[in-house]
Amino acid sequence: MADGVAEVPFWLVWSPQGTRPPRYEHYSEAAACNEAARLARENPGKKFFAIRPVARFEVPAAPMNIVRFTTDDDGVPF
């Protein structure tokens, strides 16, 4: 929230035994819990967590750096 704008809260469903990171953002706790329960039923023995991020950190991409070189321009392209 460094820029003063708060993010909309969301929840993720994550399994420590999973093969890929969570990507879907659930915009209610109930939706995330329902999805975690569904996945747990389909994957006996695996744990699923409904988790909510507390902060986001991001390093912005640097602006393009343009450097112009000086040449002895005699009109010859090489």
PDB file of N, CA and C in Angstrom:
ATOM      1  N   MET A   1       0.831  -1.188   0.000  1.00  0.00           N
ATOM      2  CA  MET A   1       0.000   0.000   0.000  1.00  0.00           C
ATOM      3  C   MET A   1       0.871   1.245   0.000  1.00  0.00           C
ATOM      4  N   ALA A   2       2.050   1.148  -0.543  1.00  0.00           N
ATOM      5  CA  ALA A   2       2.974   2.276  -0.565  1.00  0.00           C
ATOM      6  C   ALA A   2       2.421   3.449  -1.358  1.00  0.00           C
ATOM      7  N   ASP A   3       1.611   3.154  -2.363  1.00  0.00           N
ATOM      8  CA  ASP A   3       1.042   4.231  -3.164  1.00  0.00           C
ATOM      9  C   ASP A   3      -0.262   4.748  -2.580  1.00  0.00           C
ATOM     10  N   GLY A   4      -0.674   4.227  -1.433  1.00  0.00           N
ATOM     11  CA  GLY A   4      -1.869   4.705  -0.768  1.00  0.00           C
ATOM     12  C   GLY A   4      -3.149   4.030  -1.220  1.00  0.00           C
ATOM     13  N   VAL A   5      -3.071   3.085  -2.162  1.00  0.00           N
ATOM     14  CA  VAL A   5      -4.257   2.410  -2.666  1.00  0.00           C
ATOM     15  C   VAL A   5      -4.297   0.999  -2.085  1.00  0.00           C
ATOM     16  N   ALA A   6      -5.381   0.676  -1.401  1.00  0.00           N
ATOM     17  CA  ALA A   6      -5.513  -0.653  -0.816  1.00  0.00           C
ATOM     18  C   ALA A   6      -5.990  -1.635  -1.875  1.00  0.00           C
ATOM     19  N   GLU A   7      -5.457  -2.840  -1.823  1.00  0.00           N
ATOM     20  CA  GLU A   7      -5.875  -3.904  -2.728  1.00  0.00           C
ATOM     21  C   GLU A   7      -7.194  -4.503  -2.233  1.00  0.00           C
ATOM     22  N   VAL A   8      -7.975  -5.051  -3.135  1.00  0.00           N
ATOM     23  CA  VAL A   8      -9.188  -5.767  -2.763  1.00  0.00           C
ATOM     24  C   VAL A   8      -8.755  -7.079  -2.133  1.00  0.00           C
ATOM     25  N   PRO A   9      -9.281  -7.425  -0.954  1.00  0.00           N
ATOM     26  CA  PRO A   9      -8.852  -8.670  -0.313  1.00  0.00           C
ATOM     27  C   PRO A   9      -9.292  -9.888  -1.127  1.00  0.00           C
ATOM     28  N   PHE A  10      -8.457 -10.903  -1.110  1.00  0.00           N
ATOM     29  CA  PHE A  10      -8.794 -12.156  -1.791  1.00  0.00           C
ATOM     30  C   PHE A  10      -8.153 -13.310  -1.055  1.00  0.00           C
ATOM     31  N   TRP A  11      -8.582 -14.520  -1.380  1.00  0.00           N
ATOM     32  CA  TRP A  11      -8.080 -15.739  -0.766  1.00  0.00           C
ATOM     33  C   TRP A  11      -7.572 -16.660  -1.871  1.00  0.00           C
ATOM     34  N   LEU A  12      -6.591 -17.468  -1.528  1.00  0.00           N
ATOM     35  CA  LEU A  12      -6.054 -18.476  -2.419  1.00  0.00           C
ATOM     36  C   LEU A  12      -6.234 -19.840  -1.768  1.00  0.00           C
ATOM     37  N   VAL A  13      -6.332 -20.868  -2.590  1.00  0.00           N
ATOM     38  CA  VAL A  13      -6.364 -22.233  -2.074  1.00  0.00           C
ATOM     39  C   VAL A  13      -5.026 -22.857  -2.423  1.00  0.00           C
ATOM     40  N   TRP A  14      -4.320 -23.352  -1.388  1.00  0.00           N
ATOM     41  CA  TRP A  14      -2.969 -23.858  -1.565  1.00  0.00           C
ATOM     42  C   TRP A  14      -2.813 -25.206  -0.896  1.00  0.00           C
ATOM     43  N   SER A  15      -2.052 -26.074  -1.534  1.00  0.00           N
ATOM     44  CA  SER A  15      -1.720 -27.367  -0.949  1.00  0.00           C
ATOM     45  C   SER A  15      -0.204 -27.511  -0.900  1.00  0.00           C
ATOM     46  N   PRO A  16       0.364 -27.855   0.264  1.00  0.00           N
ATOM     47  CA  PRO A  16       1.813 -28.057   0.323  1.00  0.00           C
ATOM     48  C   PRO A  16       2.262 -29.263  -0.504  1.00  0.00           C
ATOM     49  N   GLN A  17       1.341 -30.164  -0.816  1.00  0.00           N
ATOM     50  CA  GLN A  17       1.669 -31.312  -1.660  1.00  0.00           C
ATOM     51  C   GLN A  17       1.337 -31.050  -3.128  1.00  0.00           C
ATOM     52  N   GLY A  18       0.972 -29.827  -3.449  1.00  0.00           N
ATOM     53  CA  GLY A  18       0.579 -29.487  -4.813  1.00  0.00           C
ATOM     54  C   GLY A  18       1.760 -29.432  -5.772  1.00  0.00           C
ATOM     55  N   THR A  19       1.447 -29.507  -7.047  1.00  0.00           N
ATOM     56  CA  THR A  19       2.496 -29.484  -8.064  1.00  0.00           C
ATOM     57  C   THR A  19       2.624 -28.128  -8.742  1.00  0.00           C
ATOM     58  N   ARG A  20       1.711 -27.231  -8.457  1.00  0.00           N
ATOM     59  CA  ARG A  20       1.785 -25.892  -9.054  1.00  0.00           C
ATOM     60  C   ARG A  20       1.261 -24.855  -8.063  1.00  0.00           C
ATOM     61  N   PRO A  21       1.707 -23.627  -8.206  1.00  0.00           N
ATOM     62  CA  PRO A  21       1.263 -22.593  -7.269  1.00  0.00           C
ATOM     63  C   PRO A  21      -0.190 -22.187  -7.539  1.00  0.00           C
ATOM     64  N   PRO A  22      -0.882 -21.695  -6.504  1.00  0.00           N
ATOM     65  CA  PRO A  22      -2.263 -21.238  -6.714  1.00  0.00           C
ATOM     66  C   PRO A  22      -2.288 -20.006  -7.610  1.00  0.00           C
ATOM     67  N   ARG A  23      -3.312 -19.912  -8.435  1.00  0.00           N
ATOM     68  CA  ARG A  23      -3.440 -18.773  -9.351  1.00  0.00           C
ATOM     69  C   ARG A  23      -4.804 -18.077  -9.260  1.00  0.00           C
ATOM     70  N   TYR A  24      -5.818 -18.811  -8.849  1.00  0.00           N
ATOM     71  CA  TYR A  24      -7.169 -18.254  -8.841  1.00  0.00           C
ATOM     72  C   TYR A  24      -7.401 -17.447  -7.572  1.00  0.00           C
ATOM     73  N   GLU A  25      -7.902 -16.250  -7.715  1.00  0.00           N
ATOM     74  CA  GLU A  25      -8.216 -15.391  -6.575  1.00  0.00           C
ATOM     75  C   GLU A  25      -9.704 -15.504  -6.249  1.00  0.00           C
ATOM     76  N   HIS A  26     -10.000 -15.970  -5.034  1.00  0.00           N
ATOM     77  CA  HIS A  26     -11.383 -16.057  -4.562  1.00  0.00           C
ATOM     78  C   HIS A  26     -11.661 -14.766  -3.803  1.00  0.00           C
ATOM     79  N   TYR A  27     -12.770 -14.113  -4.114  1.00  0.00           N
ATOM     80  CA  TYR A  27     -13.062 -12.827  -3.487  1.00  0.00           C
ATOM     81  C   TYR A  27     -13.986 -12.926  -2.283  1.00  0.00           C
ATOM     82  N   SER A  28     -14.146 -14.157  -1.776  1.00  0.00           N
ATOM     83  CA  SER A  28     -14.812 -14.325  -0.481  1.00  0.00           C
ATOM     84  C   SER A  28     -14.165 -15.512   0.230  1.00  0.00           C
ATOM     85  N   GLU A  29     -14.148 -15.434   1.532  1.00  0.00           N
ATOM     86  CA  GLU A  29     -13.585 -16.518   2.333  1.00  0.00           C
ATOM     87  C   GLU A  29     -14.378 -17.798   2.123  1.00  0.00           C
ATOM     88  N   ALA A  30     -15.694 -17.660   2.028  1.00  0.00           N
ATOM     89  CA  ALA A  30     -16.550 -18.833   1.853  1.00  0.00           C
ATOM     90  C   ALA A  30     -16.242 -19.550   0.536  1.00  0.00           C
ATOM     91  N   ALA A  31     -16.021 -18.799  -0.530  1.00  0.00           N
ATOM     92  CA  ALA A  31     -15.712 -19.416  -1.825  1.00  0.00           C
ATOM     93  C   ALA A  31     -14.391 -20.179  -1.759  1.00  0.00           C
ATOM     94  N   ALA A  32     -13.402 -19.605  -1.092  1.00  0.00           N
ATOM     95  CA  ALA A  32     -12.103 -20.273  -0.965  1.00  0.00           C
ATOM     96  C   ALA A  32     -12.229 -21.531  -0.108  1.00  0.00           C
ATOM     97  N   CYS A  33     -12.975 -21.460   0.968  1.00  0.00           N
ATOM     98  CA  CYS A  33     -13.160 -22.634   1.833  1.00  0.00           C
ATOM     99  C   CYS A  33     -13.923 -23.737   1.105  1.00  0.00           C
ATOM    100  N   ASN A  34     -14.928 -23.361   0.332  1.00  0.00           N
ATOM    101  CA  ASN A  34     -15.679 -24.353  -0.454  1.00  0.00           C
ATOM    102  C   ASN A  34     -14.762 -25.039  -1.467  1.00  0.00           C
ATOM    103  N   GLU A  35     -13.900 -24.282  -2.112  1.00  0.00           N
ATOM    104  CA  GLU A  35     -12.974 -24.854  -3.089  1.00  0.00           C
ATOM    105  C   GLU A  35     -11.944 -25.744  -2.402  1.00  0.00           C
ATOM    106  N   ALA A  36     -11.438 -25.330  -1.255  1.00  0.00           N
ATOM    107  CA  ALA A  36     -10.489 -26.156  -0.506  1.00  0.00           C
ATOM    108  C   ALA A  36     -11.140 -27.478  -0.102  1.00  0.00           C
ATOM    109  N   ALA A  37     -12.381 -27.429   0.338  1.00  0.00           N
ATOM    110  CA  ALA A  37     -13.096 -28.646   0.723  1.00  0.00           C
ATOM    111  C   ALA A  37     -13.324 -29.544  -0.494  1.00  0.00           C
ATOM    112  N   ARG A  38     -13.684 -28.963  -1.627  1.00  0.00           N
ATOM    113  CA  ARG A  38     -13.896 -29.743  -2.849  1.00  0.00           C
ATOM    114  C   ARG A  38     -12.610 -30.458  -3.261  1.00  0.00           C
ATOM    115  N   LEU A  39     -11.509 -29.715  -3.257  1.00  0.00           N
ATOM    116  CA  LEU A  39     -10.234 -30.299  -3.646  1.00  0.00           C
ATOM    117  C   LEU A  39      -9.782 -31.382  -2.663  1.00  0.00           C
ATOM    118  N   ALA A  40     -10.040 -31.183  -1.376  1.00  0.00           N
ATOM    119  CA  ALA A  40      -9.681 -32.180  -0.372  1.00  0.00           C
ATOM    120  C   ALA A  40     -10.468 -33.474  -0.593  1.00  0.00           C
ATOM    121  N   ARG A  41     -11.759 -33.341  -0.935  1.00  0.00           N
ATOM    122  CA  ARG A  41     -12.561 -34.539  -1.212  1.00  0.00           C
ATOM    123  C   ARG A  41     -12.036 -35.286  -2.435  1.00  0.00           C
ATOM    124  N   GLU A  42     -11.580 -34.549  -3.440  1.00  0.00           N
ATOM    125  CA  GLU A  42     -11.066 -35.161  -4.675  1.00  0.00           C
ATOM    126  C   GLU A  42      -9.645 -35.699  -4.521  1.00  0.00           C
ATOM    127  N   ASN A  43      -8.943 -35.286  -3.480  1.00  0.00           N
ATOM    128  CA  ASN A  43      -7.542 -35.670  -3.279  1.00  0.00           C
ATOM    129  C   ASN A  43      -7.325 -36.136  -1.842  1.00  0.00           C
ATOM    130  N   PRO A  44      -7.855 -37.323  -1.482  1.00  0.00           N
ATOM    131  CA  PRO A  44      -7.701 -37.810  -0.114  1.00  0.00           C
ATOM    132  C   PRO A  44      -6.230 -37.874   0.299  1.00  0.00           C
ATOM    133  N   GLY A  45      -5.967 -37.466   1.537  1.00  0.00           N
ATOM    134  CA  GLY A  45      -4.612 -37.489   2.068  1.00  0.00           C
ATOM    135  C   GLY A  45      -3.841 -36.198   1.856  1.00  0.00           C
ATOM    136  N   LYS A  46      -4.343 -35.324   0.980  1.00  0.00           N
ATOM    137  CA  LYS A  46      -3.673 -34.037   0.763  1.00  0.00           C
ATOM    138  C   LYS A  46      -4.371 -32.952   1.575  1.00  0.00           C
ATOM    139  N   LYS A  47      -3.591 -31.990   2.039  1.00  0.00           N
ATOM    140  CA  LYS A  47      -4.124 -30.861   2.802  1.00  0.00           C
ATOM    141  C   LYS A  47      -4.318 -29.671   1.872  1.00  0.00           C
ATOM    142  N   PHE A  48      -5.402 -28.941   2.069  1.00  0.00           N
ATOM    143  CA  PHE A  48      -5.678 -27.727   1.309  1.00  0.00           C
ATOM    144  C   PHE A  48      -5.996 -26.603   2.280  1.00  0.00           C
ATOM    145  N   PHE A  49      -5.397 -25.459   2.044  1.00  0.00           N
ATOM    146  CA  PHE A  49      -5.561 -24.299   2.915  1.00  0.00           C
ATOM    147  C   PHE A  49      -6.198 -23.154   2.149  1.00  0.00           C
ATOM    148  N   ALA A  50      -7.144 -22.469   2.784  1.00  0.00           N
ATOM    149  CA  ALA A  50      -7.676 -21.208   2.264  1.00  0.00           C
ATOM    150  C   ALA A  50      -6.845 -20.123   2.950  1.00  0.00           C
ATOM    151  N   ILE A  51      -6.055 -19.412   2.175  1.00  0.00           N
ATOM    152  CA  ILE A  51      -5.138 -18.430   2.751  1.00  0.00           C
ATOM    153  C   ILE A  51      -5.416 -17.049   2.169  1.00  0.00           C
ATOM    154  N   ARG A  52      -5.108 -16.041   2.963  1.00  0.00           N
ATOM    155  CA  ARG A  52      -5.315 -14.656   2.543  1.00  0.00           C
ATOM    156  C   ARG A  52      -3.986 -13.908   2.650  1.00  0.00           C
ATOM    157  N   PRO A  53      -3.529 -13.310   1.558  1.00  0.00           N
ATOM    158  CA  PRO A  53      -2.292 -12.529   1.624  1.00  0.00           C
ATOM    159  C   PRO A  53      -2.459 -11.314   2.537  1.00  0.00           C
ATOM    160  N   VAL A  54      -1.375 -10.925   3.178  1.00  0.00           N
ATOM    161  CA  VAL A  54      -1.407  -9.749   4.042  1.00  0.00           C
ATOM    162  C   VAL A  54      -0.698  -8.547   3.426  1.00  0.00           C
ATOM    163  N   ALA A  55       0.132  -8.795   2.421  1.00  0.00           N
ATOM    164  CA  ALA A  55       0.850  -7.689   1.774  1.00  0.00           C
ATOM    165  C   ALA A  55       1.337  -8.148   0.403  1.00  0.00           C
ATOM    166  N   ARG A  56       1.644  -7.184  -0.446  1.00  0.00           N
ATOM    167  CA  ARG A  56       2.211  -7.470  -1.764  1.00  0.00           C
ATOM    168  C   ARG A  56       3.464  -6.633  -1.931  1.00  0.00           C
ATOM    169  N   PHE A  57       4.491  -7.245  -2.478  1.00  0.00           N
ATOM    170  CA  PHE A  57       5.748  -6.553  -2.727  1.00  0.00           C
ATOM    171  C   PHE A  57       6.105  -6.737  -4.190  1.00  0.00           C
ATOM    172  N   GLU A  58       6.538  -5.666  -4.803  1.00  0.00           N
ATOM    173  CA  GLU A  58       6.853  -5.720  -6.224  1.00  0.00           C
ATOM    174  C   GLU A  58       7.916  -4.679  -6.530  1.00  0.00           C
ATOM    175  N   VAL A  59       8.916  -5.072  -7.274  1.00  0.00           N
ATOM    176  CA  VAL A  59       9.925  -4.125  -7.734  1.00  0.00           C
ATOM    177  C   VAL A  59       9.532  -3.755  -9.153  1.00  0.00           C
ATOM    178  N   PRO A  60       9.226  -2.497  -9.404  1.00  0.00           N
ATOM    179  CA  PRO A  60       8.792  -2.118 -10.750  1.00  0.00           C
ATOM    180  C   PRO A  60       9.908  -2.314 -11.768  1.00  0.00           C
ATOM    181  N   ALA A  61       9.503  -2.630 -12.973  1.00  0.00           N
ATOM    182  CA  ALA A  61      10.471  -2.785 -14.058  1.00  0.00           C
ATOM    183  C   ALA A  61      11.133  -1.441 -14.321  1.00  0.00           C
ATOM    184  N   ALA A  62      12.413  -1.480 -14.567  1.00  0.00           N
ATOM    185  CA  ALA A  62      13.151  -0.240 -14.832  1.00  0.00           C
ATOM    186  C   ALA A  62      12.747   0.320 -16.192  1.00  0.00           C
ATOM    187  N   PRO A  63      12.743   1.621 -16.334  1.00  0.00           N
ATOM    188  CA  PRO A  63      12.449   2.182 -17.652  1.00  0.00           C
ATOM    189  C   PRO A  63      13.573   1.838 -18.626  1.00  0.00           C
ATOM    190  N   MET A  64      13.231   1.837 -19.889  1.00  0.00           N
ATOM    191  CA  MET A  64      14.213   1.529 -20.911  1.00  0.00           C
ATOM    192  C   MET A  64      15.349   2.533 -20.863  1.00  0.00           C
ATOM    193  N   ASN A  65      16.544   2.034 -20.938  1.00  0.00           N
ATOM    194  CA  ASN A  65      17.728   2.886 -20.938  1.00  0.00           C
ATOM    195  C   ASN A  65      18.220   3.012 -22.375  1.00  0.00           C
ATOM    196  N   ILE A  66      18.183   4.208 -22.920  1.00  0.00           N
ATOM    197  CA  ILE A  66      18.623   4.441 -24.302  1.00  0.00           C
ATOM    198  C   ILE A  66      19.933   5.205 -24.268  1.00  0.00           C
ATOM    199  N   VAL A  67      20.922   4.660 -24.954  1.00  0.00           N
ATOM    200  CA  VAL A  67      22.227   5.303 -25.049  1.00  0.00           C
ATOM    201  C   VAL A  67      22.504   5.549 -26.526  1.00  0.00           C
ATOM    202  N   ARG A  68      22.780   6.773 -26.865  1.00  0.00           N
ATOM    203  CA  ARG A  68      23.112   7.105 -28.253  1.00  0.00           C
ATOM    204  C   ARG A  68      24.616   7.304 -28.344  1.00  0.00           C
ATOM    205  N   PHE A  69      25.185   6.690 -29.355  1.00  0.00           N
ATOM    206  CA  PHE A  69      26.622   6.780 -29.554  1.00  0.00           C
ATOM    207  C   PHE A  69      26.928   7.846 -30.591  1.00  0.00           C
ATOM    208  N   THR A  70      27.995   8.555 -30.389  1.00  0.00           N
ATOM    209  CA  THR A  70      28.430   9.513 -31.397  1.00  0.00           C
ATOM    210  C   THR A  70      29.295   8.793 -32.429  1.00  0.00           C
ATOM    211  N   THR A  71      29.173   9.194 -33.650  1.00  0.00           N
ATOM    212  CA  THR A  71      29.951   8.574 -34.722  1.00  0.00           C
ATOM    213  C   THR A  71      30.538   9.652 -35.605  1.00  0.00           C
ATOM    214  N   ASP A  72      31.509   9.279 -36.357  1.00  0.00           N
ATOM    215  CA  ASP A  72      32.030  10.146 -37.405  1.00  0.00           C
ATOM    216  C   ASP A  72      31.211   9.821 -38.645  1.00  0.00           C
ATOM    217  N   ASP A  73      30.147  10.548 -38.850  1.00  0.00           N
ATOM    218  CA  ASP A  73      29.228  10.250 -39.941  1.00  0.00           C
ATOM    219  C   ASP A  73      29.748  10.823 -41.258  1.00  0.00           C
ATOM    220  N   ASP A  74      30.340   9.926 -42.060  1.00  0.00           N
ATOM    221  CA  ASP A  74      30.832  10.366 -43.364  1.00  0.00           C
ATOM    222  C   ASP A  74      29.894   9.927 -44.482  1.00  0.00           C
ATOM    223  N   GLY A  75      28.687   9.439 -44.105  1.00  0.00           N
ATOM    224  CA  GLY A  75      27.707   9.033 -45.089  1.00  0.00           C
ATOM    225  C   GLY A  75      27.822   7.587 -45.493  1.00  0.00           C
ATOM    226  N   VAL A  76      28.886   6.899 -45.120  1.00  0.00           N
ATOM    227  CA  VAL A  76      29.057   5.486 -45.469  1.00  0.00           C
ATOM    228  C   VAL A  76      28.367   4.660 -44.375  1.00  0.00           C
ATOM    229  N   PRO A  77      27.439   3.747 -44.755  1.00  0.00           N
ATOM    230  CA  PRO A  77      26.646   3.040 -43.749  1.00  0.00           C
ATOM    231  C   PRO A  77      27.396   1.925 -43.017  1.00  0.00           C
ATOM    232  N   PHE A  78      28.689   1.747 -43.262  1.00  0.00           N
ATOM    233  CA  PHE A  78      29.450   0.700 -42.561  1.00  0.00           C
ATOM    234  C   PHE A  78      30.826   1.183 -42.230  1.00  0.00           C
TER     235      PHE A  78
END
